[in-house]
Amino acid sequence: MTQPLAAAADPARVIAIARSWLGTPYHDQASLKGVGCDCLGLARGVWREVVGPEPFPIPTYSRDWGETGPREVLAEGARRMMTEVEPETAGPGALVLFRMKPRAIAKHVGILTAPDSFLHAYERLGVIEEALTQSWRRRIAFAFLFPQR
């Protein structure tokens, strides 16, 4: 757990901005509302609207980037600019990182919209909001709060 970097952004504002991305088509490495994004691109776009310019460029990545290496790349990046919270205590407006396979690194990103729902960009579906089922909930590995502008 890291020390808080800044006060957390208003969760209602984070959720409203995230929901404005609903229906954006899925597109690898993109981050343009209404045009295309992947799960990281959604988080990046919400960051830009909630906080401001991205603090560092995101390097290109392959579709299988999370299948190689032991480093928690997404979590390490989020820790540089967000406040980490325990996944069990994360509430609406929190950014959550999911492990898609047991013992794999966290490689999928979503934003909690309610205690029982989240928003994410999913291949073939684009940006959707869906139930945070037990299957999804048990995959949450890390949670972070967006800072205030």
C-alpha atoms as a PDB file:
ATOM      1  CA  MET A   1       0.000   0.000   0.000  1.00  0.00           C
ATOM      2  CA  THR A   2       1.398   3.390  -0.942  1.00  0.00           C
ATOM      3  CA  GLN A   3       0.801   6.745   0.725  1.00  0.00           C
ATOM      4  CA  PRO A   4      -1.984   8.878  -0.766  1.00  0.00           C
ATOM      5  CA  LEU A   5      -0.719  11.163  -3.504  1.00  0.00           C
ATOM      6  CA  ALA A   6      -3.649  13.560  -3.442  1.00  0.00           C
ATOM      7  CA  ALA A   7      -7.259  13.833  -2.407  1.00  0.00           C
ATOM      8  CA  ALA A   8      -9.510  11.478  -4.343  1.00  0.00           C
ATOM      9  CA  ALA A   9     -11.674  12.758  -7.163  1.00  0.00           C
ATOM     10  CA  ASP A  10     -15.433  12.856  -6.612  1.00  0.00           C
ATOM     11  CA  PRO A  11     -16.661   9.299  -7.351  1.00  0.00           C
ATOM     12  CA  ALA A  12     -19.909  10.573  -8.895  1.00  0.00           C
ATOM     13  CA  ARG A  13     -17.888  12.662 -11.363  1.00  0.00           C
ATOM     14  CA  VAL A  14     -15.608   9.724 -12.225  1.00  0.00           C
ATOM     15  CA  ILE A  15     -18.634   7.493 -12.838  1.00  0.00           C
ATOM     16  CA  ALA A  16     -20.462  10.101 -14.959  1.00  0.00           C
ATOM     17  CA  ILE A  17     -17.390  10.590 -17.121  1.00  0.00           C
ATOM     18  CA  ALA A  18     -16.795   6.838 -17.413  1.00  0.00           C
ATOM     19  CA  ARG A  19     -20.425   6.283 -18.433  1.00  0.00           C
ATOM     20  CA  SER A  20     -20.046   8.918 -21.154  1.00  0.00           C
ATOM     21  CA  TRP A  21     -17.744   6.367 -22.831  1.00  0.00           C
ATOM     22  CA  LEU A  22     -20.491   3.700 -23.028  1.00  0.00           C
ATOM     23  CA  GLY A  23     -20.844   2.370 -26.563  1.00  0.00           C
ATOM     24  CA  THR A  24     -17.318   3.324 -27.624  1.00  0.00           C
ATOM     25  CA  PRO A  25     -16.129   0.474 -29.871  1.00  0.00           C
ATOM     26  CA  TYR A  26     -13.258  -1.759 -28.802  1.00  0.00           C
ATOM     27  CA  HIS A  27      -9.938  -0.972 -30.476  1.00  0.00           C
ATOM     28  CA  ASP A  28      -6.512  -2.104 -29.259  1.00  0.00           C
ATOM     29  CA  GLN A  29      -4.329   0.685 -27.831  1.00  0.00           C
ATOM     30  CA  ALA A  30      -6.854   3.417 -28.713  1.00  0.00           C
ATOM     31  CA  SER A  31      -8.212   5.980 -26.265  1.00  0.00           C
ATOM     32  CA  LEU A  32     -10.776   8.126 -28.081  1.00  0.00           C
ATOM     33  CA  LYS A  33     -14.311   8.442 -26.751  1.00  0.00           C
ATOM     34  CA  GLY A  34     -16.879   7.370 -29.336  1.00  0.00           C
ATOM     35  CA  VAL A  35     -14.145   6.235 -31.740  1.00  0.00           C
ATOM     36  CA  GLY A  36     -12.365   3.348 -30.034  1.00  0.00           C
ATOM     37  CA  CYS A  37     -10.535   2.176 -26.929  1.00  0.00           C
ATOM     38  CA  ASP A  38      -9.323  -0.868 -25.089  1.00  0.00           C
ATOM     39  CA  CYS A  39      -9.635  -1.232 -21.313  1.00  0.00           C
ATOM     40  CA  LEU A  40      -6.469   0.772 -20.620  1.00  0.00           C
ATOM     41  CA  GLY A  41      -7.539   3.374 -23.175  1.00  0.00           C
ATOM     42  CA  LEU A  42     -10.823   3.798 -21.316  1.00  0.00           C
ATOM     43  CA  ALA A  43      -8.948   4.414 -18.050  1.00  0.00           C
ATOM     44  CA  ARG A  44      -6.610   6.846 -19.821  1.00  0.00           C
ATOM     45  CA  GLY A  45      -9.542   8.746 -21.329  1.00  0.00           C
ATOM     46  CA  VAL A  46     -11.322   8.995 -17.997  1.00  0.00           C
ATOM     47  CA  TRP A  47      -8.039  10.193 -16.430  1.00  0.00           C
ATOM     48  CA  ARG A  48      -7.755  12.989 -19.011  1.00  0.00           C
ATOM     49  CA  GLU A  49     -11.303  14.178 -18.282  1.00  0.00           C
ATOM     50  CA  VAL A  50     -11.089  13.827 -14.492  1.00  0.00           C
ATOM     51  CA  VAL A  51      -7.485  14.835 -13.794  1.00  0.00           C
ATOM     52  CA  GLY A  52      -5.927  16.371 -16.910  1.00  0.00           C
ATOM     53  CA  PRO A  53      -3.088  15.436 -19.261  1.00  0.00           C
ATOM     54  CA  GLU A  54      -1.548  12.010 -18.858  1.00  0.00           C
ATOM     55  CA  PRO A  55       1.641  12.276 -16.768  1.00  0.00           C
ATOM     56  CA  PHE A  56       3.705   9.984 -18.998  1.00  0.00           C
ATOM     57  CA  PRO A  57       3.331   8.308 -22.391  1.00  0.00           C
ATOM     58  CA  ILE A  58       2.072   4.741 -22.507  1.00  0.00           C
ATOM     59  CA  PRO A  59       4.422   2.546 -24.542  1.00  0.00           C
ATOM     60  CA  THR A  60       2.943   0.360 -27.249  1.00  0.00           C
ATOM     61  CA  TYR A  61       2.055  -3.131 -26.097  1.00  0.00           C
ATOM     62  CA  SER A  62       1.236  -6.429 -27.742  1.00  0.00           C
ATOM     63  CA  ARG A  63      -2.051  -8.248 -27.272  1.00  0.00           C
ATOM     64  CA  ASP A  64      -0.265 -10.912 -25.220  1.00  0.00           C
ATOM     65  CA  TRP A  65       1.774  -8.501 -23.072  1.00  0.00           C
ATOM     66  CA  GLY A  66       0.264  -9.852 -19.871  1.00  0.00           C
ATOM     67  CA  GLU A  67       1.191 -13.442 -20.652  1.00  0.00           C
ATOM     68  CA  THR A  68       4.909 -12.771 -20.275  1.00  0.00           C
ATOM     69  CA  GLY A  69       6.975 -11.607 -17.347  1.00  0.00           C
ATOM     70  CA  PRO A  70       6.333 -11.491 -13.614  1.00  0.00           C
ATOM     71  CA  ARG A  71       6.034  -7.691 -13.182  1.00  0.00           C
ATOM     72  CA  GLU A  72       2.687  -6.134 -12.332  1.00  0.00           C
ATOM     73  CA  VAL A  73       3.105  -3.468 -15.014  1.00  0.00           C
ATOM     74  CA  LEU A  74      -0.373  -1.937 -14.712  1.00  0.00           C
ATOM     75  CA  ALA A  75      -0.268  -1.802 -10.917  1.00  0.00           C
ATOM     76  CA  GLU A  76       3.219  -0.276 -10.948  1.00  0.00           C
ATOM     77  CA  GLY A  77       2.057   2.433 -13.354  1.00  0.00           C
ATOM     78  CA  ALA A  78      -1.094   3.182 -11.371  1.00  0.00           C
ATOM     79  CA  ARG A  79       0.905   3.469  -8.143  1.00  0.00           C
ATOM     80  CA  ARG A  80       2.948   6.270  -9.710  1.00  0.00           C
ATOM     81  CA  MET A  81      -0.089   8.531 -10.009  1.00  0.00           C
ATOM     82  CA  MET A  82      -3.029   7.161  -8.018  1.00  0.00           C
ATOM     83  CA  THR A  83      -3.802   6.227  -4.416  1.00  0.00           C
ATOM     84  CA  GLU A  84      -3.953   2.471  -3.902  1.00  0.00           C
ATOM     85  CA  VAL A  85      -6.722   1.069  -1.721  1.00  0.00           C
ATOM     86  CA  GLU A  86      -7.531  -2.450  -0.606  1.00  0.00           C
ATOM     87  CA  PRO A  87      -9.681  -4.130  -3.280  1.00  0.00           C
ATOM     88  CA  GLU A  88     -12.192  -5.215  -0.597  1.00  0.00           C
ATOM     89  CA  THR A  89     -12.794  -1.586   0.405  1.00  0.00           C
ATOM     90  CA  ALA A  90     -12.856  -0.081  -3.105  1.00  0.00           C
ATOM     91  CA  GLY A  91     -16.102   1.680  -3.838  1.00  0.00           C
ATOM     92  CA  PRO A  92     -17.790   3.281  -6.820  1.00  0.00           C
ATOM     93  CA  GLY A  93     -15.423   5.422  -8.864  1.00  0.00           C
ATOM     94  CA  ALA A  94     -12.383   3.245  -8.126  1.00  0.00           C
ATOM     95  CA  LEU A  95     -10.199   1.870 -10.888  1.00  0.00           C
ATOM     96  CA  VAL A  96      -9.796  -1.890 -10.481  1.00  0.00           C
ATOM     97  CA  LEU A  97      -7.267  -4.231 -12.067  1.00  0.00           C
ATOM     98  CA  PHE A  98      -8.287  -7.806 -12.784  1.00  0.00           C
ATOM     99  CA  ARG A  99      -6.262 -11.005 -13.049  1.00  0.00           C
ATOM    100  CA  MET A 100      -7.849 -12.866 -15.931  1.00  0.00           C
ATOM    101  CA  LYS A 101      -6.179 -16.163 -14.956  1.00  0.00           C
ATOM    102  CA  PRO A 102      -5.047 -17.456 -11.548  1.00  0.00           C
ATOM    103  CA  ARG A 103      -1.424 -16.528 -10.795  1.00  0.00           C
ATOM    104  CA  ALA A 104      -1.239 -14.326 -13.923  1.00  0.00           C
ATOM    105  CA  ILE A 105      -0.460 -10.633 -13.698  1.00  0.00           C
ATOM    106  CA  ALA A 106      -3.342  -8.166 -13.616  1.00  0.00           C
ATOM    107  CA  LYS A 107      -4.006  -7.092 -17.195  1.00  0.00           C
ATOM    108  CA  HIS A 108      -7.628  -5.958 -17.415  1.00  0.00           C
ATOM    109  CA  VAL A 109      -8.966  -2.620 -16.158  1.00  0.00           C
ATOM    110  CA  GLY A 110     -12.418  -1.504 -15.083  1.00  0.00           C
ATOM    111  CA  ILE A 111     -14.099   1.275 -13.127  1.00  0.00           C
ATOM    112  CA  LEU A 112     -16.565   0.448 -10.356  1.00  0.00           C
ATOM    113  CA  THR A 113     -19.898   2.205 -10.911  1.00  0.00           C
ATOM    114  CA  ALA A 114     -21.814   0.774  -7.936  1.00  0.00           C
ATOM    115  CA  PRO A 115     -21.170  -1.890  -5.292  1.00  0.00           C
ATOM    116  CA  ASP A 116     -22.413  -4.478  -7.777  1.00  0.00           C
ATOM    117  CA  SER A 117     -21.461  -3.111 -11.220  1.00  0.00           C
ATOM    118  CA  PHE A 118     -18.492  -1.899 -13.224  1.00  0.00           C
ATOM    119  CA  LEU A 119     -17.652  -0.415 -16.582  1.00  0.00           C
ATOM    120  CA  HIS A 120     -14.919  -1.674 -18.908  1.00  0.00           C
ATOM    121  CA  ALA A 121     -13.916  -2.053 -22.546  1.00  0.00           C
ATOM    122  CA  TYR A 122     -14.180  -5.619 -23.704  1.00  0.00           C
ATOM    123  CA  GLU A 123     -13.131  -7.119 -27.010  1.00  0.00           C
ATOM    124  CA  ARG A 124     -16.008  -7.367 -29.524  1.00  0.00           C
ATOM    125  CA  LEU A 125     -18.355  -5.533 -27.115  1.00  0.00           C
ATOM    126  CA  GLY A 126     -16.695  -2.144 -26.657  1.00  0.00           C
ATOM    127  CA  VAL A 127     -17.344  -0.113 -23.525  1.00  0.00           C
ATOM    128  CA  ILE A 128     -20.073  -1.734 -21.470  1.00  0.00           C
ATOM    129  CA  GLU A 129     -21.412  -1.625 -17.937  1.00  0.00           C
ATOM    130  CA  GLU A 130     -22.184  -4.960 -16.378  1.00  0.00           C
ATOM    131  CA  ALA A 131     -22.788  -6.746 -13.114  1.00  0.00           C
ATOM    132  CA  LEU A 132     -19.802  -7.261 -10.845  1.00  0.00           C
ATOM    133  CA  THR A 133     -20.514 -10.952 -10.477  1.00  0.00           C
ATOM    134  CA  GLN A 134     -18.614 -13.192  -8.075  1.00  0.00           C
ATOM    135  CA  SER A 135     -16.570 -14.387 -11.037  1.00  0.00           C
ATOM    136  CA  TRP A 136     -15.421 -10.820 -11.765  1.00  0.00           C
ATOM    137  CA  ARG A 137     -15.116  -9.834  -8.098  1.00  0.00           C
ATOM    138  CA  ARG A 138     -12.683 -12.654  -7.268  1.00  0.00           C
ATOM    139  CA  ARG A 139     -10.410 -11.536 -10.119  1.00  0.00           C
ATOM    140  CA  ILE A 140      -9.837  -8.033  -8.675  1.00  0.00           C
ATOM    141  CA  ALA A 141      -6.162  -7.825  -7.722  1.00  0.00           C
ATOM    142  CA  PHE A 142      -5.653  -4.083  -7.176  1.00  0.00           C
ATOM    143  CA  ALA A 143      -7.768  -0.946  -6.724  1.00  0.00           C
ATOM    144  CA  PHE A 144      -6.874   2.736  -7.067  1.00  0.00           C
ATOM    145  CA  LEU A 145      -8.561   6.114  -6.654  1.00  0.00           C
ATOM    146  CA  PHE A 146      -8.390   8.843  -9.275  1.00  0.00           C
ATOM    147  CA  PRO A 147      -6.867  12.005  -7.775  1.00  0.00           C
ATOM    148  CA  GLN A 148      -8.568  15.394  -7.901  1.00  0.00           C
ATOM    149  CA  ARG A 149      -7.516  17.755 -10.647  1.00  0.00           C
END
